[in-house]
N, C-alpha and C. Protein backbone atom coordinates (compact mmCIF):
# COMPACT_ATOMS: atom_id res chain seq x y z
N MET A 1 16.24 25.04 68.21
CA MET A 1 17.60 25.08 68.66
C MET A 1 17.77 24.11 69.82
N SER A 2 18.11 22.88 69.53
CA SER A 2 18.29 21.86 70.55
C SER A 2 19.77 21.66 70.81
N HIS A 3 20.17 21.96 72.03
CA HIS A 3 21.55 21.75 72.42
C HIS A 3 21.63 20.38 73.08
N ILE A 4 22.45 19.51 72.50
CA ILE A 4 22.63 18.18 73.06
C ILE A 4 23.77 18.25 74.07
N VAL A 5 23.50 17.81 75.27
CA VAL A 5 24.49 17.79 76.33
C VAL A 5 24.99 16.37 76.46
N ALA A 6 26.30 16.21 76.53
CA ALA A 6 26.86 14.88 76.74
C ALA A 6 26.58 14.49 78.19
N PHE A 7 25.46 13.83 78.39
CA PHE A 7 25.02 13.50 79.74
C PHE A 7 25.36 12.04 80.02
N PRO A 8 26.10 11.78 81.09
CA PRO A 8 26.50 10.39 81.38
C PRO A 8 25.32 9.55 81.83
N GLU A 9 25.47 8.26 81.69
CA GLU A 9 24.44 7.34 82.18
C GLU A 9 24.46 7.36 83.71
N LEU A 10 23.29 7.43 84.31
CA LEU A 10 23.18 7.52 85.76
C LEU A 10 23.33 6.15 86.40
N THR A 11 23.88 6.14 87.59
CA THR A 11 24.01 4.88 88.34
C THR A 11 22.65 4.51 88.93
N GLY A 12 22.53 3.29 89.35
CA GLY A 12 21.29 2.84 89.98
C GLY A 12 20.97 3.65 91.23
N GLU A 13 22.00 3.99 92.00
CA GLU A 13 21.78 4.76 93.22
C GLU A 13 21.28 6.17 92.89
N GLN A 14 21.83 6.78 91.85
CA GLN A 14 21.37 8.11 91.45
C GLN A 14 19.92 8.06 90.96
N LEU A 15 19.57 7.02 90.22
CA LEU A 15 18.19 6.89 89.75
C LEU A 15 17.22 6.73 90.91
N VAL A 16 17.61 5.94 91.89
CA VAL A 16 16.76 5.74 93.07
C VAL A 16 16.61 7.04 93.84
N ASP A 17 17.71 7.78 94.00
CA ASP A 17 17.64 9.06 94.71
C ASP A 17 16.75 10.06 93.98
N LEU A 18 16.84 10.09 92.64
CA LEU A 18 15.98 10.99 91.86
C LEU A 18 14.51 10.60 91.99
N GLN A 19 14.22 9.30 91.93
CA GLN A 19 12.84 8.84 92.08
C GLN A 19 12.30 9.21 93.45
N ARG A 20 13.13 9.10 94.47
CA ARG A 20 12.71 9.45 95.83
C ARG A 20 12.34 10.93 95.89
N LEU A 21 13.17 11.78 95.27
CA LEU A 21 12.88 13.22 95.26
C LEU A 21 11.60 13.51 94.46
N LEU A 22 11.41 12.83 93.37
CA LEU A 22 10.25 13.09 92.52
C LEU A 22 8.94 12.60 93.15
N ARG A 23 9.00 11.56 93.93
CA ARG A 23 7.78 10.98 94.51
C ARG A 23 7.42 11.54 95.88
N SER A 24 8.39 12.11 96.57
CA SER A 24 8.15 12.60 97.92
C SER A 24 7.29 13.86 97.91
N ARG A 25 6.35 13.92 98.82
CA ARG A 25 5.50 15.11 98.95
C ARG A 25 6.20 16.22 99.71
N SER A 26 7.29 15.90 100.39
CA SER A 26 7.98 16.90 101.18
C SER A 26 9.20 17.50 100.47
N THR A 27 9.42 17.12 99.22
CA THR A 27 10.53 17.68 98.46
C THR A 27 10.23 19.14 98.13
N PRO A 28 11.15 20.05 98.42
CA PRO A 28 10.92 21.46 98.05
C PRO A 28 10.69 21.60 96.54
N ALA A 29 9.89 22.58 96.16
CA ALA A 29 9.51 22.74 94.75
C ALA A 29 10.71 22.93 93.84
N GLY A 30 11.68 23.71 94.26
CA GLY A 30 12.86 23.94 93.44
C GLY A 30 13.66 22.67 93.20
N VAL A 31 13.83 21.88 94.23
CA VAL A 31 14.56 20.62 94.11
C VAL A 31 13.78 19.66 93.21
N HIS A 32 12.48 19.66 93.33
CA HIS A 32 11.64 18.80 92.49
C HIS A 32 11.81 19.16 91.01
N ARG A 33 11.81 20.45 90.70
CA ARG A 33 12.00 20.88 89.31
C ARG A 33 13.37 20.48 88.79
N ARG A 34 14.39 20.60 89.62
CA ARG A 34 15.74 20.22 89.20
C ARG A 34 15.85 18.71 89.00
N ALA A 35 15.14 17.93 89.83
CA ALA A 35 15.14 16.48 89.67
C ALA A 35 14.45 16.10 88.36
N ILE A 36 13.39 16.82 88.00
CA ILE A 36 12.73 16.58 86.71
C ILE A 36 13.70 16.85 85.57
N LEU A 37 14.46 17.93 85.68
CA LEU A 37 15.44 18.28 84.66
C LEU A 37 16.43 17.14 84.44
N ILE A 38 17.01 16.63 85.51
CA ILE A 38 18.00 15.57 85.41
C ILE A 38 17.36 14.28 84.90
N TRP A 39 16.16 13.98 85.35
CA TRP A 39 15.45 12.78 84.92
C TRP A 39 15.20 12.83 83.40
N GLU A 40 14.78 13.98 82.91
CA GLU A 40 14.54 14.13 81.47
C GLU A 40 15.83 13.99 80.67
N LEU A 41 16.91 14.56 81.17
CA LEU A 41 18.20 14.43 80.48
C LEU A 41 18.67 12.98 80.45
N ALA A 42 18.46 12.28 81.55
CA ALA A 42 18.85 10.87 81.61
C ALA A 42 18.03 10.03 80.64
N ALA A 43 16.81 10.49 80.33
CA ALA A 43 15.95 9.77 79.39
C ALA A 43 16.29 10.08 77.94
N GLY A 44 17.23 11.04 77.72
CA GLY A 44 17.67 11.33 76.37
C GLY A 44 17.14 12.62 75.79
N SER A 45 16.45 13.42 76.58
CA SER A 45 15.95 14.70 76.09
C SER A 45 17.11 15.68 75.90
N SER A 46 16.91 16.66 75.04
CA SER A 46 17.90 17.72 74.90
C SER A 46 17.78 18.64 76.10
N LEU A 47 18.77 19.51 76.27
CA LEU A 47 18.76 20.43 77.40
C LEU A 47 17.58 21.39 77.32
N VAL A 48 17.25 21.83 76.12
CA VAL A 48 16.11 22.75 75.95
C VAL A 48 14.80 22.04 76.31
N GLU A 49 14.63 20.80 75.82
CA GLU A 49 13.41 20.04 76.13
C GLU A 49 13.29 19.75 77.62
N ALA A 50 14.40 19.33 78.22
CA ALA A 50 14.39 19.03 79.65
C ALA A 50 14.12 20.28 80.47
N GLY A 51 14.69 21.41 80.05
CA GLY A 51 14.45 22.67 80.74
C GLY A 51 12.99 23.08 80.67
N GLU A 52 12.38 22.88 79.50
CA GLU A 52 10.95 23.20 79.36
C GLU A 52 10.09 22.29 80.23
N ALA A 53 10.44 21.02 80.29
CA ALA A 53 9.68 20.07 81.13
C ALA A 53 9.78 20.45 82.61
N ALA A 54 10.92 21.00 83.00
CA ALA A 54 11.13 21.38 84.40
C ALA A 54 10.79 22.83 84.67
N ALA A 55 10.32 23.55 83.65
CA ALA A 55 9.99 24.98 83.76
C ALA A 55 11.20 25.79 84.20
N LEU A 56 12.35 25.50 83.59
CA LEU A 56 13.57 26.23 83.86
C LEU A 56 14.09 26.84 82.57
N HIS A 57 14.60 28.05 82.64
CA HIS A 57 15.23 28.68 81.48
C HIS A 57 16.49 27.89 81.13
N TYR A 58 16.87 27.93 79.85
CA TYR A 58 18.04 27.20 79.39
C TYR A 58 19.28 27.52 80.22
N THR A 59 19.50 28.79 80.51
CA THR A 59 20.69 29.20 81.27
C THR A 59 20.69 28.58 82.66
N ASN A 60 19.55 28.61 83.35
CA ASN A 60 19.46 28.02 84.68
C ASN A 60 19.57 26.50 84.61
N ALA A 61 18.97 25.90 83.59
CA ALA A 61 19.05 24.45 83.44
C ALA A 61 20.51 24.02 83.27
N HIS A 62 21.25 24.75 82.47
CA HIS A 62 22.66 24.43 82.24
C HIS A 62 23.45 24.54 83.54
N ARG A 63 23.14 25.56 84.33
CA ARG A 63 23.84 25.73 85.62
C ARG A 63 23.57 24.56 86.55
N TRP A 64 22.31 24.09 86.61
CA TRP A 64 21.98 22.97 87.50
C TRP A 64 22.56 21.66 87.00
N VAL A 65 22.68 21.51 85.70
CA VAL A 65 23.31 20.30 85.17
C VAL A 65 24.78 20.26 85.57
N ARG A 66 25.46 21.40 85.47
CA ARG A 66 26.86 21.46 85.90
C ARG A 66 27.00 21.12 87.37
N ARG A 67 26.10 21.63 88.20
CA ARG A 67 26.17 21.32 89.64
C ARG A 67 25.89 19.84 89.89
N PHE A 68 24.95 19.26 89.12
CA PHE A 68 24.67 17.83 89.28
C PHE A 68 25.88 17.00 88.88
N LEU A 69 26.51 17.36 87.77
CA LEU A 69 27.67 16.60 87.31
C LEU A 69 28.84 16.72 88.30
N ALA A 70 28.95 17.84 88.98
CA ALA A 70 30.03 18.04 89.94
C ALA A 70 29.74 17.39 91.29
N SER A 71 28.47 17.43 91.74
CA SER A 71 28.15 17.00 93.11
C SER A 71 27.12 15.89 93.21
N GLY A 72 26.58 15.44 92.10
CA GLY A 72 25.56 14.39 92.15
C GLY A 72 24.22 14.94 92.60
N VAL A 73 23.39 14.08 93.12
CA VAL A 73 22.04 14.46 93.54
C VAL A 73 22.08 15.52 94.64
N LYS A 74 23.09 15.50 95.48
CA LYS A 74 23.22 16.50 96.53
C LYS A 74 23.38 17.91 95.96
N GLY A 75 23.90 18.01 94.74
CA GLY A 75 24.09 19.31 94.10
C GLY A 75 22.80 19.98 93.68
N LEU A 76 21.68 19.27 93.74
CA LEU A 76 20.39 19.83 93.34
C LEU A 76 19.75 20.67 94.44
N THR A 77 20.27 20.57 95.65
CA THR A 77 19.70 21.34 96.75
C THR A 77 20.27 22.74 96.77
N ASP A 78 19.55 23.67 97.38
CA ASP A 78 20.02 25.04 97.49
C ASP A 78 21.17 25.12 98.47
N ARG A 79 22.13 25.96 98.15
CA ARG A 79 23.23 26.22 99.07
C ARG A 79 22.78 27.26 100.08
N THR A 80 23.43 27.25 101.24
CA THR A 80 23.11 28.27 102.23
C THR A 80 23.59 29.62 101.72
N ARG A 81 22.84 30.65 102.05
CA ARG A 81 23.17 32.00 101.62
C ARG A 81 23.63 32.80 102.80
N SER A 82 24.50 33.76 102.51
CA SER A 82 24.93 34.65 103.57
C SER A 82 23.86 35.73 103.76
N GLY A 83 23.97 36.41 104.84
CA GLY A 83 23.01 37.48 105.09
C GLY A 83 22.18 37.22 106.31
N ARG A 84 21.21 38.05 106.51
CA ARG A 84 20.38 37.96 107.68
C ARG A 84 19.51 36.70 107.60
N PRO A 85 19.48 35.92 108.69
CA PRO A 85 18.65 34.72 108.70
C PRO A 85 17.17 35.08 108.74
N PRO A 86 16.31 34.22 108.21
CA PRO A 86 14.88 34.52 108.28
C PRO A 86 14.38 34.51 109.71
N ASP A 87 13.33 35.27 109.97
CA ASP A 87 12.76 35.36 111.32
C ASP A 87 12.08 34.10 111.73
């Protein structure tokens, strides 16, 4: 069951930003997985294949793709959460 997502061609700046996230040792693990997802989609993989490569469930992969399409590379980072701050 391969769902093909109409994924737009990435700009040069977006590709450079993704490569920076993928190569950096200080990139948080979650952001790294999401960057892998977008990189795989840009290479032509289906959403299911890209999700498997990034170790993300299809539902979560779809959510991150929507955030990327709405906000670009900045959309791959975690949003601040309400509640008690960590100690």
